[in-house]
């Protein structure tokens, strides 16, 4: 058994996530999302879906990217690589 790094639960079915050279241990996807998800730079919500990227910044949606003043032509939707998000 391994201990979740977020909640401390010692769980027989814990799992590891290998990311950026580090190994993380969690007991649930909820804890993994809490620990590893980026945060929207406009509204502060955890981005557990594809989100959008604009000029190296991450947002939960195109609306938040535009709200931060990002040029709509720079907003990339990760659900469809390379496609511009609808402004």
C-alpha atoms as a PDB file:
ATOM      1  CA  UNK A   1       0.000   0.000   0.000  1.00  0.00           C
ATOM      2  CA  UNK A   2       1.081   3.567  -0.598  1.00  0.00           C
ATOM      3  CA  UNK A   3       0.051   6.837   0.990  1.00  0.00           C
ATOM      4  CA  UNK A   4      -1.685   9.539  -1.060  1.00  0.00           C
ATOM      5  CA  UNK A   5       0.411  12.701  -1.137  1.00  0.00           C
ATOM      6  CA  UNK A   6      -2.701  14.899  -0.980  1.00  0.00           C
ATOM      7  CA  UNK A   7      -5.006  13.367   1.641  1.00  0.00           C
ATOM      8  CA  UNK A   8      -2.666  10.961   3.426  1.00  0.00           C
ATOM      9  CA  UNK A   9      -4.935   7.950   2.868  1.00  0.00           C
ATOM     10  CA  UNK A  10      -3.051   4.632   2.933  1.00  0.00           C
ATOM     11  CA  UNK A  11      -4.881   2.780   0.160  1.00  0.00           C
ATOM     12  CA  UNK A  12      -4.296  -0.639  -1.397  1.00  0.00           C
ATOM     13  CA  UNK A  13      -5.289   0.609  -4.859  1.00  0.00           C
ATOM     14  CA  UNK A  14      -3.242   3.799  -4.927  1.00  0.00           C
ATOM     15  CA  UNK A  15      -1.519   4.676  -8.192  1.00  0.00           C
ATOM     16  CA  UNK A  16       1.522   6.564  -9.411  1.00  0.00           C
ATOM     17  CA  UNK A  17       1.659   9.433 -11.858  1.00  0.00           C
ATOM     18  CA  UNK A  18       5.010  10.053 -13.541  1.00  0.00           C
ATOM     19  CA  UNK A  19       5.300  13.639 -14.760  1.00  0.00           C
ATOM     20  CA  UNK A  20       8.210  15.949 -15.543  1.00  0.00           C
ATOM     21  CA  UNK A  21      10.753  13.628 -13.909  1.00  0.00           C
ATOM     22  CA  UNK A  22       8.831  13.212 -10.639  1.00  0.00           C
ATOM     23  CA  UNK A  23       6.671  10.389  -9.297  1.00  0.00           C
ATOM     24  CA  UNK A  24       3.447  11.232  -7.457  1.00  0.00           C
ATOM     25  CA  UNK A  25       1.222   8.822  -5.491  1.00  0.00           C
ATOM     26  CA  UNK A  26      -2.546   9.296  -5.209  1.00  0.00           C
ATOM     27  CA  UNK A  27      -5.511   7.288  -3.943  1.00  0.00           C
ATOM     28  CA  UNK A  28      -8.039   8.855  -6.336  1.00  0.00           C
ATOM     29  CA  UNK A  29      -8.316  10.894  -9.495  1.00  0.00           C
ATOM     30  CA  UNK A  30      -9.786  13.675  -7.354  1.00  0.00           C
ATOM     31  CA  UNK A  31      -6.532  13.981  -5.398  1.00  0.00           C
ATOM     32  CA  UNK A  32      -4.447  13.737  -8.591  1.00  0.00           C
ATOM     33  CA  UNK A  33      -6.455  16.540 -10.208  1.00  0.00           C
ATOM     34  CA  UNK A  34      -6.175  18.668  -7.074  1.00  0.00           C
ATOM     35  CA  UNK A  35      -2.391  18.308  -6.980  1.00  0.00           C
ATOM     36  CA  UNK A  36      -1.481  18.387 -10.651  1.00  0.00           C
ATOM     37  CA  UNK A  37      -4.009  20.467 -12.566  1.00  0.00           C
ATOM     38  CA  UNK A  38      -2.955  23.900 -13.749  1.00  0.00           C
ATOM     39  CA  UNK A  39      -4.976  26.880 -12.535  1.00  0.00           C
ATOM     40  CA  UNK A  40      -6.801  29.267 -14.879  1.00  0.00           C
ATOM     41  CA  UNK A  41      -4.861  32.526 -14.908  1.00  0.00           C
ATOM     42  CA  UNK A  42      -8.102  34.526 -15.086  1.00  0.00           C
ATOM     43  CA  UNK A  43     -10.674  32.937 -12.755  1.00  0.00           C
ATOM     44  CA  UNK A  44      -8.501  30.595 -10.658  1.00  0.00           C
ATOM     45  CA  UNK A  45     -10.430  27.368 -11.352  1.00  0.00           C
ATOM     46  CA  UNK A  46      -8.473  24.093 -11.586  1.00  0.00           C
ATOM     47  CA  UNK A  47      -8.253  23.001 -15.232  1.00  0.00           C
ATOM     48  CA  UNK A  48      -9.115  19.303 -15.263  1.00  0.00           C
ATOM     49  CA  UNK A  49     -10.154  19.237 -18.916  1.00  0.00           C
ATOM     50  CA  UNK A  50      -8.302  20.340 -22.024  1.00  0.00           C
ATOM     51  CA  UNK A  51      -8.448  24.092 -21.338  1.00  0.00           C
ATOM     52  CA  UNK A  52      -6.945  26.615 -23.708  1.00  0.00           C
ATOM     53  CA  UNK A  53      -3.454  28.012 -24.064  1.00  0.00           C
ATOM     54  CA  UNK A  54      -2.532  31.474 -25.237  1.00  0.00           C
ATOM     55  CA  UNK A  55       1.007  32.758 -25.527  1.00  0.00           C
ATOM     56  CA  UNK A  56       2.266  30.298 -22.875  1.00  0.00           C
ATOM     57  CA  UNK A  57      -0.574  31.012 -20.419  1.00  0.00           C
ATOM     58  CA  UNK A  58      -3.304  28.539 -19.454  1.00  0.00           C
ATOM     59  CA  UNK A  59      -7.006  29.254 -19.088  1.00  0.00           C
ATOM     60  CA  UNK A  60     -10.065  27.087 -18.447  1.00  0.00           C
ATOM     61  CA  UNK A  61     -11.810  28.497 -21.538  1.00  0.00           C
ATOM     62  CA  UNK A  62     -11.488  31.002 -24.373  1.00  0.00           C
ATOM     63  CA  UNK A  63     -13.792  33.384 -22.478  1.00  0.00           C
ATOM     64  CA  UNK A  64     -11.273  33.666 -19.617  1.00  0.00           C
ATOM     65  CA  UNK A  65      -8.369  34.105 -22.047  1.00  0.00           C
ATOM     66  CA  UNK A  66     -10.206  36.975 -23.738  1.00  0.00           C
ATOM     67  CA  UNK A  67     -11.076  38.382 -20.300  1.00  0.00           C
ATOM     68  CA  UNK A  68      -7.369  38.553 -19.547  1.00  0.00           C
ATOM     69  CA  UNK A  69      -6.885  40.571 -22.743  1.00  0.00           C
ATOM     70  CA  UNK A  70      -5.365  37.817 -24.891  1.00  0.00           C
ATOM     71  CA  UNK A  71      -5.659  38.334 -28.644  1.00  0.00           C
ATOM     72  CA  UNK A  72      -8.239  35.764 -29.846  1.00  0.00           C
ATOM     73  CA  UNK A  73      -5.920  34.705 -32.694  1.00  0.00           C
ATOM     74  CA  UNK A  74      -3.422  33.433 -30.073  1.00  0.00           C
ATOM     75  CA  UNK A  75      -5.911  31.243 -28.171  1.00  0.00           C
ATOM     76  CA  UNK A  76      -5.237  27.531 -28.796  1.00  0.00           C
ATOM     77  CA  UNK A  77      -7.837  24.913 -27.897  1.00  0.00           C
ATOM     78  CA  UNK A  78      -6.113  21.725 -26.678  1.00  0.00           C
ATOM     79  CA  UNK A  79      -9.144  19.588 -27.511  1.00  0.00           C
ATOM     80  CA  UNK A  80      -8.224  19.949 -31.171  1.00  0.00           C
ATOM     81  CA  UNK A  81      -4.463  20.527 -31.477  1.00  0.00           C
ATOM     82  CA  UNK A  82      -3.620  23.524 -33.579  1.00  0.00           C
ATOM     83  CA  UNK A  83      -7.187  24.726 -33.965  1.00  0.00           C
ATOM     84  CA  UNK A  84      -7.967  28.262 -32.879  1.00  0.00           C
ATOM     85  CA  UNK A  85     -10.649  28.540 -30.202  1.00  0.00           C
ATOM     86  CA  UNK A  86     -13.798  30.281 -31.328  1.00  0.00           C
ATOM     87  CA  UNK A  87     -13.706  33.911 -30.263  1.00  0.00           C
END
